């Protein structure tokens, strides 16, 4: 065979393989060497109201489209499947529907799955160029499922009446449409899921989903940024980073909610840094850190440091409008439950804002002295430099940079909430609001905590490496998902 014939044959084979891959795109989804781990976390989640907050090109829309098709076809690998499913894909407008959600659905939908297509405009033999009303999809259990396309510019009334198995929001909907869709899935115990880039700032989704202010146990969220997408070019990422301001990067790179000049800690990832409580060795116990307040909240956290220098925030006391006797009693009670270390006289040691040294006409004794009388000896010599402290906290938050990490137990709900809502006011100063936990965290971090000292017999290098691996597995196993 001549060289030209061989090259021609290779080209034909490559073309055929490319054609087959395109026809089976959904079968190849997340099955190659490069796996999008956060897409898989979304698909595996069993919660009924789940959201992906993702930067542009982070892979969020792909997982929403595939989730729809798996449910409609009856082939979802992680959920109970059924036939005759009815769901909606909701976009902001018909144009956005055609260009984004509809296009993504069609890119993953094999033609052999399609039973019928109804168009609002255009021809059904060329659906990508028109606006689809419904797609009928053959279900593996013998029925036919229906995916309806809706747009928010139709108004809430167009969302009434239907009984649905699921709703997918491609980008953030208006509140009235979101609430109407939640009603549509109620009788079938269906699902609501959304994939969005939070470009509008702190809207109702910020409170209802991200902060979950109503403590709905069925709500789940995940963040996706450019680094999570294994198919993005690193050179392209660096180019985009230099082209965008920090406030735009919060949303467009990290998928984070932003306000004004942006988040102080976009590096904070609840799925990474928040873990479920576990029994912490006593030798890890370091110190308590306090940001005092009477009418304002008093925040106190118990900090531990493991043998590798990783920080753990293991307990929290947070209350407003209470006197010092109440706070001191609460701190001592939490310490008792933790088995927290004391000195020979049973006194507890803590860091506290240097403002605790101040005396007033109303009370001749300072807050530091009053805590001392209650058996809590406080050190007011803390470094309060805000910018330096923030930079130091960022070092602990950023994984993979060779610095120790920080992990927060899930029961420290106020610290977690402050991480989420801590924004720059402009320049190098954060907004002075809801920052009590953030302040005392900096006081502790700026003490430059060092790894705990083993109070046991020295381990061999092999035993030490084994213990280190066990601790890392323990943290990963406790990570919230």
Protein backbone atom coordinates (compact mmCIF):
# COMPACT_ATOMS: atom_id res chain seq x y z
CA UNK A 1 0.00 0.00 0.00
CA UNK A 2 1.34 3.39 -1.01
CA UNK A 3 2.13 6.05 1.62
CA UNK A 4 -0.63 8.31 0.27
CA UNK A 5 -3.17 5.49 0.61
CA UNK A 6 -2.07 4.80 4.19
CA UNK A 7 -2.42 8.46 5.17
CA UNK A 8 -5.83 8.63 3.50
CA UNK A 9 -6.96 5.52 5.39
CA UNK A 10 -5.73 6.94 8.70
CA UNK A 11 -7.62 10.18 8.03
CA UNK A 12 -10.80 8.19 7.29
CA UNK A 13 -10.44 6.24 10.53
CA UNK A 14 -9.84 9.43 12.52
CA UNK A 15 -12.92 11.02 10.96
CA UNK A 16 -15.04 7.98 11.80
CA UNK A 17 -13.80 7.91 15.39
CA UNK A 18 -14.53 11.61 15.74
CA UNK A 19 -18.04 11.05 14.38
CA UNK A 20 -18.67 8.18 16.81
CA UNK A 21 -17.39 10.17 19.76
CA UNK A 22 -19.72 13.03 18.87
CA UNK A 23 -22.65 10.62 18.61
CA UNK A 24 -21.86 9.11 22.03
CA UNK A 25 -20.72 12.23 23.88
CA UNK A 26 -22.91 11.45 26.89
CA UNK A 27 -21.45 7.94 27.15
CA UNK A 28 -17.95 9.43 27.31
CA UNK A 29 -18.94 12.06 29.90
CA UNK A 30 -16.47 11.96 32.80
CA UNK A 31 -15.18 8.53 31.79
CA UNK A 32 -11.80 9.49 30.36
CA UNK A 33 -8.48 9.97 32.10
CA UNK A 34 -9.44 13.55 32.96
CA UNK A 35 -12.33 13.46 35.44
CA UNK A 36 -14.16 16.55 36.67
CA UNK A 37 -14.46 15.57 40.34
CA UNK A 38 -16.91 18.31 41.25
CA UNK A 39 -19.26 17.36 38.43
CA UNK A 40 -19.27 13.84 39.85
CA UNK A 41 -19.97 15.20 43.36
CA UNK A 42 -23.01 17.03 41.97
CA UNK A 43 -24.37 13.92 40.23
CA UNK A 44 -23.81 11.75 43.31
CA UNK A 45 -25.58 14.15 45.67
CA UNK A 46 -28.94 12.81 46.90
CA UNK A 47 -30.31 16.18 48.07
CA UNK A 48 -33.44 17.43 46.31
CA UNK A 49 -32.34 21.07 45.96
CA UNK A 50 -28.76 21.19 44.74
CA UNK A 51 -26.80 23.98 43.09
CA UNK A 52 -23.49 24.52 41.35
CA UNK A 53 -22.03 28.01 41.61
CA UNK A 54 -19.37 28.05 38.93
CA UNK A 55 -17.12 30.42 37.07
CA UNK A 56 -17.42 30.79 33.32
CA UNK A 57 -16.10 27.69 31.51
CA UNK A 58 -15.87 25.75 34.79
CA UNK A 59 -18.08 22.90 33.50
CA UNK A 60 -21.24 23.79 35.41
CA UNK A 61 -23.68 23.81 32.45
CA UNK A 62 -22.44 20.41 31.26
CA UNK A 63 -23.37 18.74 34.52
CA UNK A 64 -26.83 20.36 34.48
CA UNK A 65 -27.54 19.14 30.92
CA UNK A 66 -26.26 15.62 31.59
CA UNK A 67 -28.26 15.41 34.83
CA UNK A 68 -31.45 16.22 32.86
CA UNK A 69 -30.76 13.63 30.18
CA UNK A 70 -29.82 10.86 32.62
CA UNK A 71 -33.06 11.40 34.56
CA UNK A 72 -35.21 11.60 31.40
CA UNK A 73 -33.65 8.53 29.83
CA UNK A 74 -33.84 6.54 33.09
CA UNK A 75 -30.11 5.79 33.19
CA UNK A 76 -28.89 7.95 36.08
CA UNK A 77 -25.96 6.02 37.63
CA UNK A 78 -26.46 7.42 41.15
CA UNK A 79 -30.24 7.84 41.59
CA UNK A 80 -33.40 5.75 41.41
CA UNK A 81 -34.66 5.74 37.82
CA UNK A 82 -38.23 5.67 36.50
CA UNK A 83 -40.14 6.09 33.24
CA UNK A 84 -42.41 8.88 31.91
CA UNK A 85 -40.39 11.66 33.56
CA UNK A 86 -41.48 15.27 33.04
CA UNK A 87 -39.01 18.10 33.67
CA UNK A 88 -38.18 21.68 32.72
CA UNK A 89 -35.00 23.43 31.66
CA UNK A 90 -35.39 27.10 32.64
CA UNK A 91 -33.33 29.87 31.00
CA UNK A 92 -33.38 33.64 31.39
CA UNK A 93 -34.72 34.25 27.85
CA UNK A 94 -35.52 32.31 24.69
CA UNK A 95 -32.33 33.55 23.07
CA UNK A 96 -30.25 32.38 26.02
CA UNK A 97 -32.17 29.09 25.94
CA UNK A 98 -31.25 28.54 22.28
CA UNK A 99 -27.60 29.53 22.71
CA UNK A 100 -26.83 27.82 26.04
CA UNK A 101 -29.13 25.26 27.72
CA UNK A 102 -30.78 24.01 24.52
CA UNK A 103 -27.45 23.83 22.68
CA UNK A 104 -25.86 21.93 25.54
CA UNK A 105 -28.76 19.45 25.75
CA UNK A 106 -28.59 18.80 22.00
CA UNK A 107 -24.80 18.34 22.12
CA UNK A 108 -25.19 15.47 24.61
CA UNK A 109 -28.47 14.00 23.29
CA UNK A 110 -27.99 11.01 20.93
CA UNK A 111 -30.44 11.10 18.02
CA UNK A 112 -31.46 7.52 18.81
CA UNK A 113 -32.93 8.74 22.13
CA UNK A 114 -35.27 11.29 20.51
CA UNK A 115 -38.94 10.33 20.09
CA UNK A 116 -40.15 13.75 18.91
CA UNK A 117 -39.40 17.48 19.06
CA UNK A 118 -41.93 20.33 19.22
CA UNK A 119 -40.67 23.74 18.13
CA UNK A 120 -41.73 27.24 19.14
CA UNK A 121 -39.87 28.55 16.11
CA UNK A 122 -37.77 26.92 13.42
CA UNK A 123 -37.85 23.39 12.03
CA UNK A 124 -37.60 20.24 14.11
CA UNK A 125 -35.25 18.62 11.60
CA UNK A 126 -32.82 21.45 12.46
CA UNK A 127 -33.67 22.18 16.13
CA UNK A 128 -30.38 23.86 17.01
CA UNK A 129 -31.21 26.87 14.81
CA UNK A 130 -34.68 27.40 16.31
CA UNK A 131 -36.33 27.56 19.73
CA UNK A 132 -37.55 24.24 21.16
CA UNK A 133 -40.77 23.91 23.14
CA UNK A 134 -40.44 20.24 24.15
CA UNK A 135 -38.27 17.22 23.46
CA UNK A 136 -39.74 13.74 23.86
CA UNK A 137 -37.09 11.23 24.93
CA UNK A 138 -37.35 7.44 24.80
CA UNK A 139 -37.06 6.00 28.30
CA UNK A 140 -35.26 2.67 28.83
CA UNK A 141 -38.24 1.41 30.88
CA UNK A 142 -40.52 1.66 27.87
CA UNK A 143 -42.17 5.03 28.39
CA UNK A 144 -41.52 8.45 26.91
CA UNK A 145 -40.14 11.30 29.01
CA UNK A 146 -40.61 15.00 28.31
CA UNK A 147 -38.21 17.92 28.66
CA UNK A 148 -39.92 21.29 28.39
CA UNK A 149 -37.99 24.51 27.86
CA UNK A 150 -39.07 27.63 29.74
CA UNK A 151 -37.73 31.17 29.84
CA UNK A 152 -38.02 33.61 32.75
CA UNK A 153 -39.06 36.47 30.46
CA UNK A 154 -42.40 34.66 29.99
CA UNK A 155 -43.39 35.67 33.53
CA UNK A 156 -44.46 33.61 36.55
CA UNK A 157 -47.94 32.81 35.20
CA UNK A 158 -46.44 30.60 32.47
CA UNK A 159 -44.92 28.40 35.16
CA UNK A 160 -48.21 27.54 36.88
CA UNK A 161 -50.22 24.34 36.79
CA UNK A 162 -47.71 21.63 35.82
CA UNK A 163 -46.62 18.76 38.05
CA UNK A 164 -42.92 18.04 37.53
CA UNK A 165 -40.22 15.53 38.40
CA UNK A 166 -37.43 18.10 38.15
CA UNK A 167 -36.51 21.66 37.22
CA UNK A 168 -33.07 22.71 36.01
CA UNK A 169 -32.27 26.41 36.27
CA UNK A 170 -29.54 27.43 33.86
CA UNK A 171 -28.43 30.65 35.59
CA UNK A 172 -30.22 32.40 38.42
CA UNK A 173 -34.01 32.91 38.05
CA UNK A 174 -36.15 35.67 39.59
CA UNK A 175 -37.39 34.78 43.05
CA UNK A 176 -41.08 34.44 42.08
CA UNK A 177 -40.27 31.96 39.31
CA UNK A 178 -37.96 29.97 41.59
CA UNK A 179 -40.68 29.71 44.24
CA UNK A 180 -43.30 28.73 41.64
CA UNK A 181 -41.03 25.95 40.33
CA UNK A 182 -40.46 24.66 43.86
CA UNK A 183 -44.25 24.28 44.07
CA UNK A 184 -44.32 22.40 40.73
CA UNK A 185 -42.13 19.54 42.07
CA UNK A 186 -43.81 19.21 45.46
CA UNK A 187 -46.46 16.55 44.77
CA UNK A 188 -44.00 14.27 42.94
CA UNK A 189 -41.24 14.87 45.50
CA UNK A 190 -39.14 16.04 42.59
CA UNK A 191 -35.80 17.81 42.38
CA UNK A 192 -34.68 21.38 41.79
CA UNK A 193 -31.13 21.96 40.62
CA UNK A 194 -29.34 25.00 39.30
CA UNK A 195 -26.07 25.87 37.59
CA UNK A 196 -25.10 29.53 37.66
CA UNK A 197 -22.38 32.15 37.74
CA UNK A 198 -23.35 34.63 40.50
CA UNK A 199 -22.85 37.85 38.56
CA UNK A 200 -25.74 39.67 40.27
CA UNK A 201 -24.09 39.69 43.69
CA UNK A 202 -25.86 38.77 46.93
CA UNK A 203 -29.38 38.05 45.70
CA UNK A 204 -32.01 35.81 47.32
CA UNK A 205 -30.07 32.73 46.12
CA UNK A 206 -27.18 33.88 48.31
CA UNK A 207 -29.41 33.68 51.40
CA UNK A 208 -31.71 30.81 50.46
CA UNK A 209 -29.13 28.42 48.98
CA UNK A 210 -25.58 29.51 49.78
CA UNK A 211 -26.16 30.57 53.41
CA UNK A 212 -29.23 28.30 53.71
CA UNK A 213 -30.70 30.64 56.31
CA UNK A 214 -33.75 28.40 56.78
CA UNK A 215 -31.55 25.36 57.52
CA UNK A 216 -33.29 23.27 54.86
CA UNK A 217 -31.69 19.79 55.08
CA UNK A 218 -32.38 19.15 51.36
CA UNK A 219 -30.24 22.07 50.15
CA UNK A 220 -26.71 21.41 48.86
CA UNK A 221 -24.25 23.53 46.93
CA UNK A 222 -20.83 23.22 45.33
CA UNK A 223 -18.41 25.75 43.84
CA UNK A 224 -16.54 25.18 40.61
CA UNK A 225 -13.67 27.33 39.42
CA UNK A 226 -11.35 27.23 36.45
CA UNK A 227 -8.88 24.99 38.25
CA UNK A 228 -11.59 22.31 38.68
CA UNK A 229 -12.08 21.90 34.92
CA UNK A 230 -9.36 19.49 33.72
CA UNK A 231 -9.92 20.52 30.09
CA UNK A 232 -9.10 24.23 30.44
CA UNK A 233 -5.69 25.39 29.18
CA UNK A 234 -3.51 26.77 31.99
CA UNK A 235 -2.05 29.45 29.71
CA UNK A 236 -5.56 30.64 28.85
CA UNK A 237 -6.44 30.76 32.57
CA UNK A 238 -3.44 32.99 33.32
CA UNK A 239 -4.32 35.27 30.44
CA UNK A 240 -7.89 35.70 31.70
CA UNK A 241 -6.68 36.32 35.26
CA UNK A 242 -4.62 39.28 34.12
CA UNK A 243 -7.53 40.70 32.10
CA UNK A 244 -10.13 40.77 34.91
CA UNK A 245 -10.39 42.88 38.06
CA UNK A 246 -10.47 41.09 41.42
CA UNK A 247 -14.21 41.69 41.87
CA UNK A 248 -14.93 40.10 38.48
CA UNK A 249 -12.61 37.19 39.24
CA UNK A 250 -14.68 36.27 42.31
CA UNK A 251 -17.66 35.40 40.11
CA UNK A 252 -16.13 34.59 36.73
CA UNK A 253 -13.24 32.45 37.98
CA UNK A 254 -14.30 31.11 41.38
CA UNK A 255 -18.09 31.24 40.99
CA UNK A 256 -18.24 33.17 44.27
CA UNK A 257 -20.83 35.74 45.29
CA UNK A 258 -19.36 39.21 45.26
CA UNK A 259 -20.24 42.63 46.62
CA UNK A 260 -18.46 45.82 45.66
CA UNK A 261 -14.73 45.09 45.60
CA UNK A 262 -15.14 41.33 46.07
CA UNK A 263 -14.62 38.60 48.64
CA UNK A 264 -11.71 38.81 51.04
CA UNK A 265 -11.27 35.03 51.00
CA UNK A 266 -12.30 33.62 47.60
CA UNK A 267 -9.91 30.75 48.43
CA UNK A 268 -12.36 29.48 51.07
CA UNK A 269 -14.06 26.34 49.80
CA UNK A 270 -16.68 24.88 52.11
CA UNK A 271 -16.31 21.44 50.54
CA UNK A 272 -12.57 21.49 51.36
CA UNK A 273 -12.09 23.51 54.52
CA UNK A 274 -15.21 22.44 56.46
CA UNK A 275 -15.10 18.94 57.91
CA UNK A 276 -17.21 16.94 60.33
CA UNK A 277 -15.99 16.84 63.95
CA UNK A 278 -13.76 14.00 65.08
CA UNK A 279 -11.90 13.17 68.28
CA UNK A 280 -8.83 15.43 68.40
CA UNK A 281 -5.72 14.26 70.31
CA UNK A 282 -5.18 16.28 73.48
CA UNK A 283 -1.65 17.26 72.47
CA UNK A 284 -3.10 19.13 69.48
CA UNK A 285 -4.88 21.62 71.77
CA UNK A 286 -3.42 25.10 71.31
CA UNK A 287 -5.46 28.04 72.66
CA UNK A 288 -8.82 29.83 72.57
CA UNK A 289 -9.13 33.13 70.69
CA UNK A 290 -11.77 35.74 71.60
CA UNK A 291 -13.18 38.85 69.99
CA UNK A 292 -15.07 40.53 72.88
CA UNK A 293 -18.52 42.06 72.68
CA UNK A 294 -21.50 42.76 74.92
CA UNK A 295 -24.25 44.26 72.77
CA UNK A 296 -22.26 43.15 69.74
CA UNK A 297 -21.54 39.43 69.43
CA UNK A 298 -18.67 37.89 71.37
CA UNK A 299 -16.92 35.28 69.25
CA UNK A 300 -14.65 32.59 70.70
CA UNK A 301 -13.12 29.57 68.99
CA UNK A 302 -11.00 26.67 70.18
CA UNK A 303 -7.92 26.07 68.02
CA UNK A 304 -5.84 22.92 67.62
CA UNK A 305 -2.68 22.28 65.60
CA UNK A 306 -1.66 18.79 64.51
CA UNK A 307 1.83 17.35 64.16
CA UNK A 308 2.04 18.54 60.54
CA UNK A 309 1.13 22.14 61.42
CA UNK A 310 -2.46 21.97 60.12
CA UNK A 311 -4.94 24.10 62.08
CA UNK A 312 -8.33 22.82 63.26
CA UNK A 313 -11.11 25.09 64.55
CA UNK A 314 -12.96 22.60 66.73
CA UNK A 315 -15.58 24.53 68.72
CA UNK A 316 -17.40 27.84 68.82
CA UNK A 317 -19.11 30.19 71.27
CA UNK A 318 -20.96 33.08 69.65
CA UNK A 319 -23.59 35.25 71.37
CA UNK A 320 -24.74 38.87 71.48
CA UNK A 321 -26.44 40.97 74.14
CA UNK A 322 -25.13 38.89 77.07
CA UNK A 323 -22.93 39.89 79.99
CA UNK A 324 -19.41 38.74 80.74
CA UNK A 325 -20.58 36.22 83.38
CA UNK A 326 -22.61 34.44 80.70
CA UNK A 327 -19.73 34.36 78.21
CA UNK A 328 -17.21 33.18 80.80
CA UNK A 329 -19.52 30.39 81.96
CA UNK A 330 -20.16 29.30 78.35
CA UNK A 331 -16.44 29.26 77.54
CA UNK A 332 -15.67 27.19 80.63
CA UNK A 333 -18.52 24.75 79.90
CA UNK A 334 -17.41 24.23 76.29
CA UNK A 335 -13.84 23.72 77.50
CA UNK A 336 -15.06 21.13 80.02
CA UNK A 337 -16.90 19.20 77.31
CA UNK A 338 -13.80 19.24 75.11
CA UNK A 339 -11.50 18.19 77.93
CA UNK A 340 -9.55 21.36 77.21
CA UNK A 341 -6.17 21.82 78.86
CA UNK A 342 -5.82 24.05 81.95
CA UNK A 343 -2.99 25.04 84.25
CA UNK A 344 -2.44 23.59 87.73
CA UNK A 345 -5.07 25.97 89.14
CA UNK A 346 -7.67 25.01 86.55
CA UNK A 347 -7.35 28.24 84.58
CA UNK A 348 -7.89 28.44 80.82
CA UNK A 349 -5.67 30.50 78.49
CA UNK A 350 -6.95 32.61 75.61
CA UNK A 351 -6.02 35.35 73.15
CA UNK A 352 -8.20 38.46 73.08
CA UNK A 353 -8.45 41.83 71.31
CA UNK A 354 -6.19 44.41 73.00
CA UNK A 355 -9.30 46.59 73.45
CA UNK A 356 -10.12 44.27 76.35
CA UNK A 357 -7.50 46.20 78.40
CA UNK A 358 -9.59 49.36 78.37
CA UNK A 359 -11.41 50.56 81.50
CA UNK A 360 -14.52 52.74 81.51
CA UNK A 361 -16.29 54.97 84.01
CA UNK A 362 -19.04 52.37 84.20
CA UNK A 363 -16.61 49.68 85.35
CA UNK A 364 -13.23 50.22 87.04
CA UNK A 365 -11.99 46.84 85.79
CA UNK A 366 -11.17 45.94 82.22
CA UNK A 367 -12.71 43.02 80.32
CA UNK A 368 -9.35 41.24 80.52
CA UNK A 369 -9.31 41.57 84.33
CA UNK A 370 -12.91 40.40 84.64
CA UNK A 371 -12.18 37.31 82.51
CA UNK A 372 -9.16 36.64 84.74
CA UNK A 373 -11.39 36.66 87.81
CA UNK A 374 -13.52 33.98 86.11
CA UNK A 375 -10.53 31.71 85.56
CA UNK A 376 -9.88 32.67 81.94
CA UNK A 377 -6.43 34.25 81.59
CA UNK A 378 -6.38 36.34 78.43
CA UNK A 379 -3.37 37.58 76.50
CA UNK A 380 -4.10 41.00 74.97
CA UNK A 381 -0.74 41.23 73.19
CA UNK A 382 -2.11 40.27 69.77
CA UNK A 383 -1.10 41.47 66.32
CA UNK A 384 -4.09 43.39 64.92
CA UNK A 385 -2.61 44.37 61.56
CA UNK A 386 -5.56 43.57 59.28
CA UNK A 387 -3.83 43.38 55.89
CA UNK A 388 -0.94 41.22 57.13
CA UNK A 389 -3.34 39.00 59.03
CA UNK A 390 -5.53 38.46 55.98
CA UNK A 391 -2.51 37.57 53.87
CA UNK A 392 -1.47 35.04 56.53
CA UNK A 393 -4.94 33.46 56.64
CA UNK A 394 -4.88 33.18 52.84
CA UNK A 395 -1.66 31.16 53.10
CA UNK A 396 -3.44 28.62 55.27
CA UNK A 397 -6.52 28.49 53.04
CA UNK A 398 -4.69 27.96 49.76
CA UNK A 399 -4.09 24.27 49.25
CA UNK A 400 -1.01 22.93 47.54
CA UNK A 401 1.31 25.84 48.30
CA UNK A 402 3.46 24.02 50.83
CA UNK A 403 1.94 25.84 53.83
CA UNK A 404 -0.14 24.22 56.56
CA UNK A 405 -3.86 24.04 55.95
CA UNK A 406 -6.83 25.10 58.05
CA UNK A 407 -9.92 22.97 58.69
CA UNK A 408 -13.11 24.13 60.40
CA UNK A 409 -15.47 21.77 62.17
CA UNK A 410 -19.00 22.00 60.77
CA UNK A 411 -20.42 22.99 64.19
CA UNK A 412 -18.61 26.37 63.92
CA UNK A 413 -21.50 27.78 61.88
CA UNK A 414 -20.85 31.47 62.52
CA UNK A 415 -17.23 31.30 61.40
CA UNK A 416 -18.28 29.48 58.24
CA UNK A 417 -20.95 32.11 57.55
CA UNK A 418 -18.45 34.96 58.04
CA UNK A 419 -15.98 33.37 55.61
CA UNK A 420 -18.76 33.36 53.02
CA UNK A 421 -19.79 36.98 53.58
CA UNK A 422 -16.49 38.77 54.28
CA UNK A 423 -16.05 41.44 51.58
CA UNK A 424 -13.59 44.22 50.78
CA UNK A 425 -14.90 47.73 51.31
CA UNK A 426 -12.34 49.13 48.88
CA UNK A 427 -8.59 49.38 49.03
CA UNK A 428 -7.08 47.10 51.67
CA UNK A 429 -9.92 47.34 54.21
CA UNK A 430 -12.75 44.81 54.61
CA UNK A 431 -16.33 45.85 55.29
CA UNK A 432 -16.60 46.28 59.06
CA UNK A 433 -19.67 44.09 59.51
CA UNK A 434 -20.16 40.51 60.73
CA UNK A 435 -16.42 40.05 61.18
CA UNK A 436 -15.99 38.99 64.82
CA UNK A 437 -14.88 35.46 63.96
CA UNK A 438 -12.61 36.75 61.22
CA UNK A 439 -10.92 39.11 63.70
CA UNK A 440 -10.11 36.52 66.35
CA UNK A 441 -9.07 34.01 63.66
CA UNK A 442 -6.42 36.53 62.59
CA UNK A 443 -5.29 37.00 66.20
CA UNK A 444 -4.60 33.27 66.41
CA UNK A 445 -3.05 32.91 62.96
CA UNK A 446 -0.70 35.83 63.65
CA UNK A 447 0.74 33.99 66.68
CA UNK A 448 2.37 31.77 63.99
CA UNK A 449 1.21 28.45 65.45
CA UNK A 450 3.67 25.61 65.19
CA UNK A 451 3.09 21.84 64.92
CA UNK A 452 2.07 20.04 68.11
CA UNK A 453 4.77 18.24 70.07
CA UNK A 454 4.30 14.49 70.38
CA UNK A 455 3.90 13.43 73.99
CA UNK A 456 4.47 9.81 73.04
CA UNK A 457 7.50 7.70 72.28
CA UNK A 458 9.30 8.87 69.15
CA UNK A 459 8.05 7.02 66.07
CA UNK A 460 10.25 5.49 63.45
CA UNK A 461 10.25 7.24 60.04
CA UNK A 462 7.99 4.52 58.63
CA UNK A 463 5.53 4.79 61.56
CA UNK A 464 5.54 8.59 61.34
CA UNK A 465 4.75 8.46 57.61
CA UNK A 466 1.94 5.98 58.27
CA UNK A 467 0.41 8.25 60.95
CA UNK A 468 0.62 11.24 58.61
CA UNK A 469 -1.22 9.35 55.87
CA UNK A 470 -3.91 8.21 58.30
CA UNK A 471 -4.52 11.81 59.42
CA UNK A 472 -4.83 13.00 55.82
CA UNK A 473 -7.28 10.23 55.00
CA UNK A 474 -9.27 11.12 58.12
CA UNK A 475 -9.56 14.75 56.98
CA UNK A 476 -10.58 13.77 53.44
CA UNK A 477 -13.09 11.25 54.72
CA UNK A 478 -14.69 13.89 56.94
CA UNK A 479 -14.86 16.55 54.21
CA UNK A 480 -18.44 17.78 53.73
CA UNK A 481 -20.11 16.92 50.45
